[in-house]
């Protein structure tokens, strides 16, 4: 099987099941990357940091980086298009029917069921990534300060990324 087909299949599948936005994709993507042996966990965590630091949705950035790492420019294009397609298809269909079905109890039940699952996916990704990324007291301190600044003072994630990058330069 060609690498472009593997990338397309993997990222299209991830795009179909990664509900909840960009961070929900990380758990699925990490499992796929490890299963296929595309890169090390450490490299994957580095790509998350880069994806968070660059403009655009993290899911698209991760798809682009993993695709490029695995298949060069064609791989980057293939993975980016593939991860985007399910969402575009579903949102087009969703937009056609949303207002007609939104108030129905079954539709509301679907949303009530999806919300906790999305929280679980994000928590699982955070746990898996944290085990690799938070390996010393300095990394733990950066993590704790970041959580505190976001939770208590609603500090912009952009400022946290910049501050964490500076802390990395100073302490690592």
C-alpha atoms as a PDB file:
ATOM      1  CA  UNK A   1       0.000   0.000   0.000  1.00  0.00           C
ATOM      2  CA  UNK A   2       1.447   3.397  -0.931  1.00  0.00           C
ATOM      3  CA  UNK A   3       2.230   5.911   1.776  1.00  0.00           C
ATOM      4  CA  UNK A   4      -0.154   8.461   0.228  1.00  0.00           C
ATOM      5  CA  UNK A   5      -3.020   5.972   0.381  1.00  0.00           C
ATOM      6  CA  UNK A   6      -2.117   5.126   3.988  1.00  0.00           C
ATOM      7  CA  UNK A   7      -2.032   8.818   4.888  1.00  0.00           C
ATOM      8  CA  UNK A   8      -5.319   9.526   3.141  1.00  0.00           C
ATOM      9  CA  UNK A   9      -7.067   6.538   4.710  1.00  0.00           C
ATOM     10  CA  UNK A  10      -5.722   7.267   8.199  1.00  0.00           C
ATOM     11  CA  UNK A  11      -6.472  10.985   8.178  1.00  0.00           C
ATOM     12  CA  UNK A  12      -9.871  10.602   6.527  1.00  0.00           C
ATOM     13  CA  UNK A  13     -10.801   8.040   9.198  1.00  0.00           C
ATOM     14  CA  UNK A  14      -9.497  10.305  11.964  1.00  0.00           C
ATOM     15  CA  UNK A  15     -11.467  13.196  10.469  1.00  0.00           C
ATOM     16  CA  UNK A  16     -14.626  11.079  10.563  1.00  0.00           C
ATOM     17  CA  UNK A  17     -14.384  10.260  14.261  1.00  0.00           C
ATOM     18  CA  UNK A  18     -12.542  13.151  15.903  1.00  0.00           C
ATOM     19  CA  UNK A  19     -15.518  15.069  17.240  1.00  0.00           C
ATOM     20  CA  UNK A  20     -14.892  18.083  19.426  1.00  0.00           C
ATOM     21  CA  UNK A  21     -12.304  20.076  17.578  1.00  0.00           C
ATOM     22  CA  UNK A  22      -8.588  19.958  17.106  1.00  0.00           C
ATOM     23  CA  UNK A  23      -7.525  18.644  20.485  1.00  0.00           C
ATOM     24  CA  UNK A  24      -9.884  15.690  20.238  1.00  0.00           C
ATOM     25  CA  UNK A  25      -7.898  14.520  17.210  1.00  0.00           C
ATOM     26  CA  UNK A  26      -4.674  14.151  19.190  1.00  0.00           C
ATOM     27  CA  UNK A  27      -5.559  10.888  20.915  1.00  0.00           C
ATOM     28  CA  UNK A  28      -6.681   9.270  17.648  1.00  0.00           C
ATOM     29  CA  UNK A  29      -3.677  10.619  15.785  1.00  0.00           C
ATOM     30  CA  UNK A  30      -1.156   9.513  18.387  1.00  0.00           C
ATOM     31  CA  UNK A  31      -2.531   5.967  18.304  1.00  0.00           C
ATOM     32  CA  UNK A  32      -2.389   5.894  14.503  1.00  0.00           C
ATOM     33  CA  UNK A  33       1.129   7.331  14.337  1.00  0.00           C
ATOM     34  CA  UNK A  34       2.382   4.792  16.887  1.00  0.00           C
ATOM     35  CA  UNK A  35       0.544   1.879  15.246  1.00  0.00           C
ATOM     36  CA  UNK A  36       2.048   2.664  11.845  1.00  0.00           C
ATOM     37  CA  UNK A  37       5.482   3.563  13.215  1.00  0.00           C
ATOM     38  CA  UNK A  38       5.519   6.933  11.463  1.00  0.00           C
ATOM     39  CA  UNK A  39       7.424   8.735  14.239  1.00  0.00           C
ATOM     40  CA  UNK A  40       8.447   8.568  17.884  1.00  0.00           C
ATOM     41  CA  UNK A  41       6.231   9.846  20.677  1.00  0.00           C
ATOM     42  CA  UNK A  42       8.782  12.557  21.432  1.00  0.00           C
ATOM     43  CA  UNK A  43       8.672  13.772  17.813  1.00  0.00           C
ATOM     44  CA  UNK A  44       4.866  13.690  17.952  1.00  0.00           C
ATOM     45  CA  UNK A  45       4.885  15.879  21.081  1.00  0.00           C
ATOM     46  CA  UNK A  46       7.268  18.302  19.350  1.00  0.00           C
ATOM     47  CA  UNK A  47       4.837  18.517  16.419  1.00  0.00           C
ATOM     48  CA  UNK A  48       2.020  19.321  18.839  1.00  0.00           C
ATOM     49  CA  UNK A  49       4.071  22.219  20.207  1.00  0.00           C
ATOM     50  CA  UNK A  50       4.813  23.470  16.691  1.00  0.00           C
ATOM     51  CA  UNK A  51       1.176  23.024  15.628  1.00  0.00           C
ATOM     52  CA  UNK A  52      -0.001  25.005  18.633  1.00  0.00           C
ATOM     53  CA  UNK A  53       2.497  27.749  17.859  1.00  0.00           C
ATOM     54  CA  UNK A  54       1.583  28.195  14.195  1.00  0.00           C
ATOM     55  CA  UNK A  55      -1.533  29.871  12.811  1.00  0.00           C
ATOM     56  CA  UNK A  56      -4.506  27.693  11.983  1.00  0.00           C
ATOM     57  CA  UNK A  57      -6.384  24.830  13.586  1.00  0.00           C
ATOM     58  CA  UNK A  58      -4.199  22.326  15.412  1.00  0.00           C
ATOM     59  CA  UNK A  59      -5.842  19.387  13.600  1.00  0.00           C
ATOM     60  CA  UNK A  60      -4.877  20.756  10.195  1.00  0.00           C
ATOM     61  CA  UNK A  61      -1.410  21.722  11.361  1.00  0.00           C
ATOM     62  CA  UNK A  62      -0.802  18.254  12.817  1.00  0.00           C
ATOM     63  CA  UNK A  63      -2.088  16.599   9.643  1.00  0.00           C
ATOM     64  CA  UNK A  64       0.228  18.763   7.574  1.00  0.00           C
ATOM     65  CA  UNK A  65       3.280  18.086   9.764  1.00  0.00           C
ATOM     66  CA  UNK A  66       2.704  14.331  10.070  1.00  0.00           C
ATOM     67  CA  UNK A  67       1.939  14.093   6.353  1.00  0.00           C
ATOM     68  CA  UNK A  68       5.107  15.998   5.483  1.00  0.00           C
ATOM     69  CA  UNK A  69       7.237  13.944   7.872  1.00  0.00           C
ATOM     70  CA  UNK A  70       5.845  10.750   6.375  1.00  0.00           C
ATOM     71  CA  UNK A  71       5.410  11.572   2.684  1.00  0.00           C
ATOM     72  CA  UNK A  72       6.979  14.941   1.929  1.00  0.00           C
ATOM     73  CA  UNK A  73       4.927  17.690   0.277  1.00  0.00           C
ATOM     74  CA  UNK A  74       2.510  15.221  -1.399  1.00  0.00           C
ATOM     75  CA  UNK A  75       1.998  13.579   2.011  1.00  0.00           C
ATOM     76  CA  UNK A  76       1.322  16.936   3.657  1.00  0.00           C
ATOM     77  CA  UNK A  77      -1.275  17.848   1.031  1.00  0.00           C
ATOM     78  CA  UNK A  78      -2.862  14.400   1.158  1.00  0.00           C
ATOM     79  CA  UNK A  79      -3.168  14.300   4.967  1.00  0.00           C
ATOM     80  CA  UNK A  80      -4.452  17.882   5.178  1.00  0.00           C
ATOM     81  CA  UNK A  81      -7.146  17.340   2.545  1.00  0.00           C
ATOM     82  CA  UNK A  82      -8.110  13.960   4.006  1.00  0.00           C
ATOM     83  CA  UNK A  83      -8.565  15.200   7.584  1.00  0.00           C
ATOM     84  CA  UNK A  84     -10.618  18.162   6.307  1.00  0.00           C
ATOM     85  CA  UNK A  85     -12.973  16.267   4.003  1.00  0.00           C
ATOM     86  CA  UNK A  86     -15.200  14.502   6.561  1.00  0.00           C
ATOM     87  CA  UNK A  87     -15.826  17.748   8.426  1.00  0.00           C
ATOM     88  CA  UNK A  88     -16.638  19.629   5.235  1.00  0.00           C
ATOM     89  CA  UNK A  89     -19.015  16.897   4.090  1.00  0.00           C
ATOM     90  CA  UNK A  90     -20.685  16.583   7.501  1.00  0.00           C
ATOM     91  CA  UNK A  91     -20.987  20.344   8.029  1.00  0.00           C
ATOM     92  CA  UNK A  92     -22.531  20.796   4.595  1.00  0.00           C
ATOM     93  CA  UNK A  93     -25.109  18.114   5.347  1.00  0.00           C
ATOM     94  CA  UNK A  94     -25.533  19.384   8.892  1.00  0.00           C
ATOM     95  CA  UNK A  95     -26.170  22.932   7.670  1.00  0.00           C
ATOM     96  CA  UNK A  96     -28.858  21.655   5.320  1.00  0.00           C
ATOM     97  CA  UNK A  97     -30.798  19.976   8.122  1.00  0.00           C
ATOM     98  CA  UNK A  98     -29.700  21.658  11.376  1.00  0.00           C
ATOM     99  CA  UNK A  99     -32.455  24.191  11.868  1.00  0.00           C
ATOM    100  CA  UNK A 100     -35.132  21.727  10.891  1.00  0.00           C
ATOM    101  CA  UNK A 101     -34.093  19.069  13.432  1.00  0.00           C
ATOM    102  CA  UNK A 102     -32.310  21.003  16.199  1.00  0.00           C
ATOM    103  CA  UNK A 103     -35.247  21.294  18.588  1.00  0.00           C
ATOM    104  CA  UNK A 104     -36.128  17.608  18.403  1.00  0.00           C
ATOM    105  CA  UNK A 105     -35.433  15.568  21.553  1.00  0.00           C
ATOM    106  CA  UNK A 106     -33.382  12.968  19.673  1.00  0.00           C
ATOM    107  CA  UNK A 107     -31.060  15.668  18.325  1.00  0.00           C
ATOM    108  CA  UNK A 108     -30.617  17.158  21.789  1.00  0.00           C
ATOM    109  CA  UNK A 109     -29.908  13.676  23.165  1.00  0.00           C
ATOM    110  CA  UNK A 110     -27.143  13.193  20.587  1.00  0.00           C
ATOM    111  CA  UNK A 111     -25.482  16.442  21.688  1.00  0.00           C
ATOM    112  CA  UNK A 112     -25.805  15.534  25.377  1.00  0.00           C
ATOM    113  CA  UNK A 113     -24.110  12.208  24.623  1.00  0.00           C
ATOM    114  CA  UNK A 114     -21.296  13.701  22.557  1.00  0.00           C
ATOM    115  CA  UNK A 115     -20.253  16.385  25.059  1.00  0.00           C
ATOM    116  CA  UNK A 116     -18.866  14.079  27.780  1.00  0.00           C
ATOM    117  CA  UNK A 117     -17.217  11.862  25.161  1.00  0.00           C
ATOM    118  CA  UNK A 118     -15.361  14.878  23.784  1.00  0.00           C
ATOM    119  CA  UNK A 119     -14.180  15.798  27.286  1.00  0.00           C
ATOM    120  CA  UNK A 120     -12.936  12.228  27.702  1.00  0.00           C
ATOM    121  CA  UNK A 121     -11.061  12.323  24.389  1.00  0.00           C
ATOM    122  CA  UNK A 122      -9.336  15.582  25.271  1.00  0.00           C
ATOM    123  CA  UNK A 123      -8.464  14.296  28.767  1.00  0.00           C
ATOM    124  CA  UNK A 124      -7.041  11.061  27.323  1.00  0.00           C
ATOM    125  CA  UNK A 125      -4.894  12.995  24.857  1.00  0.00           C
ATOM    126  CA  UNK A 126      -3.667  15.311  27.625  1.00  0.00           C
ATOM    127  CA  UNK A 127      -2.768  12.334  29.806  1.00  0.00           C
ATOM    128  CA  UNK A 128      -0.901  10.494  27.032  1.00  0.00           C
ATOM    129  CA  UNK A 129       0.999  13.578  25.928  1.00  0.00           C
ATOM    130  CA  UNK A 130       1.673  14.714  29.493  1.00  0.00           C
ATOM    131  CA  UNK A 131       3.379  11.428  30.330  1.00  0.00           C
ATOM    132  CA  UNK A 132       5.975  12.158  27.650  1.00  0.00           C
ATOM    133  CA  UNK A 133       6.194  15.953  27.804  1.00  0.00           C
ATOM    134  CA  UNK A 134       6.194  16.535  31.571  1.00  0.00           C
ATOM    135  CA  UNK A 135       9.375  14.676  32.450  1.00  0.00           C
ATOM    136  CA  UNK A 136      11.072  16.991  34.939  1.00  0.00           C
ATOM    137  CA  UNK A 137      10.240  19.642  37.562  1.00  0.00           C
ATOM    138  CA  UNK A 138      10.667  22.562  35.126  1.00  0.00           C
ATOM    139  CA  UNK A 139       8.234  21.035  32.622  1.00  0.00           C
ATOM    140  CA  UNK A 140       5.811  20.293  35.466  1.00  0.00           C
ATOM    141  CA  UNK A 141       6.058  23.915  36.649  1.00  0.00           C
ATOM    142  CA  UNK A 142       5.401  25.254  33.139  1.00  0.00           C
ATOM    143  CA  UNK A 143       2.388  22.936  32.875  1.00  0.00           C
ATOM    144  CA  UNK A 144       0.996  23.950  36.277  1.00  0.00           C
ATOM    145  CA  UNK A 145       1.478  27.673  35.644  1.00  0.00           C
ATOM    146  CA  UNK A 146      -0.162  27.362  32.214  1.00  0.00           C
ATOM    147  CA  UNK A 147      -3.203  25.587  33.653  1.00  0.00           C
ATOM    148  CA  UNK A 148      -3.498  28.155  36.442  1.00  0.00           C
ATOM    149  CA  UNK A 149      -3.186  31.135  34.085  1.00  0.00           C
ATOM    150  CA  UNK A 150      -5.836  29.773  31.727  1.00  0.00           C
ATOM    151  CA  UNK A 151      -8.244  28.530  34.402  1.00  0.00           C
ATOM    152  CA  UNK A 152      -8.071  31.428  36.842  1.00  0.00           C
ATOM    153  CA  UNK A 153      -7.161  34.462  34.757  1.00  0.00           C
ATOM    154  CA  UNK A 154      -8.233  33.443  31.226  1.00  0.00           C
ATOM    155  CA  UNK A 155      -4.812  34.330  29.806  1.00  0.00           C
ATOM    156  CA  UNK A 156      -4.621  34.055  26.028  1.00  0.00           C
ATOM    157  CA  UNK A 157      -3.245  30.718  24.791  1.00  0.00           C
ATOM    158  CA  UNK A 158      -1.058  32.687  22.380  1.00  0.00           C
ATOM    159  CA  UNK A 159       0.650  34.408  25.309  1.00  0.00           C
ATOM    160  CA  UNK A 160       1.069  31.061  27.063  1.00  0.00           C
ATOM    161  CA  UNK A 161       2.711  29.527  24.007  1.00  0.00           C
ATOM    162  CA  UNK A 162       5.091  32.479  23.704  1.00  0.00           C
ATOM    163  CA  UNK A 163       5.840  32.435  27.438  1.00  0.00           C
ATOM    164  CA  UNK A 164       6.397  28.678  27.421  1.00  0.00           C
ATOM    165  CA  UNK A 165       8.744  28.956  24.447  1.00  0.00           C
ATOM    166  CA  UNK A 166      10.746  31.608  26.303  1.00  0.00           C
ATOM    167  CA  UNK A 167      10.791  29.424  29.433  1.00  0.00           C
ATOM    168  CA  UNK A 168      12.036  26.547  27.288  1.00  0.00           C
ATOM    169  CA  UNK A 169      14.890  28.677  25.975  1.00  0.00           C
ATOM    170  CA  UNK A 170      15.804  29.844  29.481  1.00  0.00           C
ATOM    171  CA  UNK A 171      15.497  26.561  31.382  1.00  0.00           C
ATOM    172  CA  UNK A 172      16.203  23.809  28.873  1.00  0.00           C
END
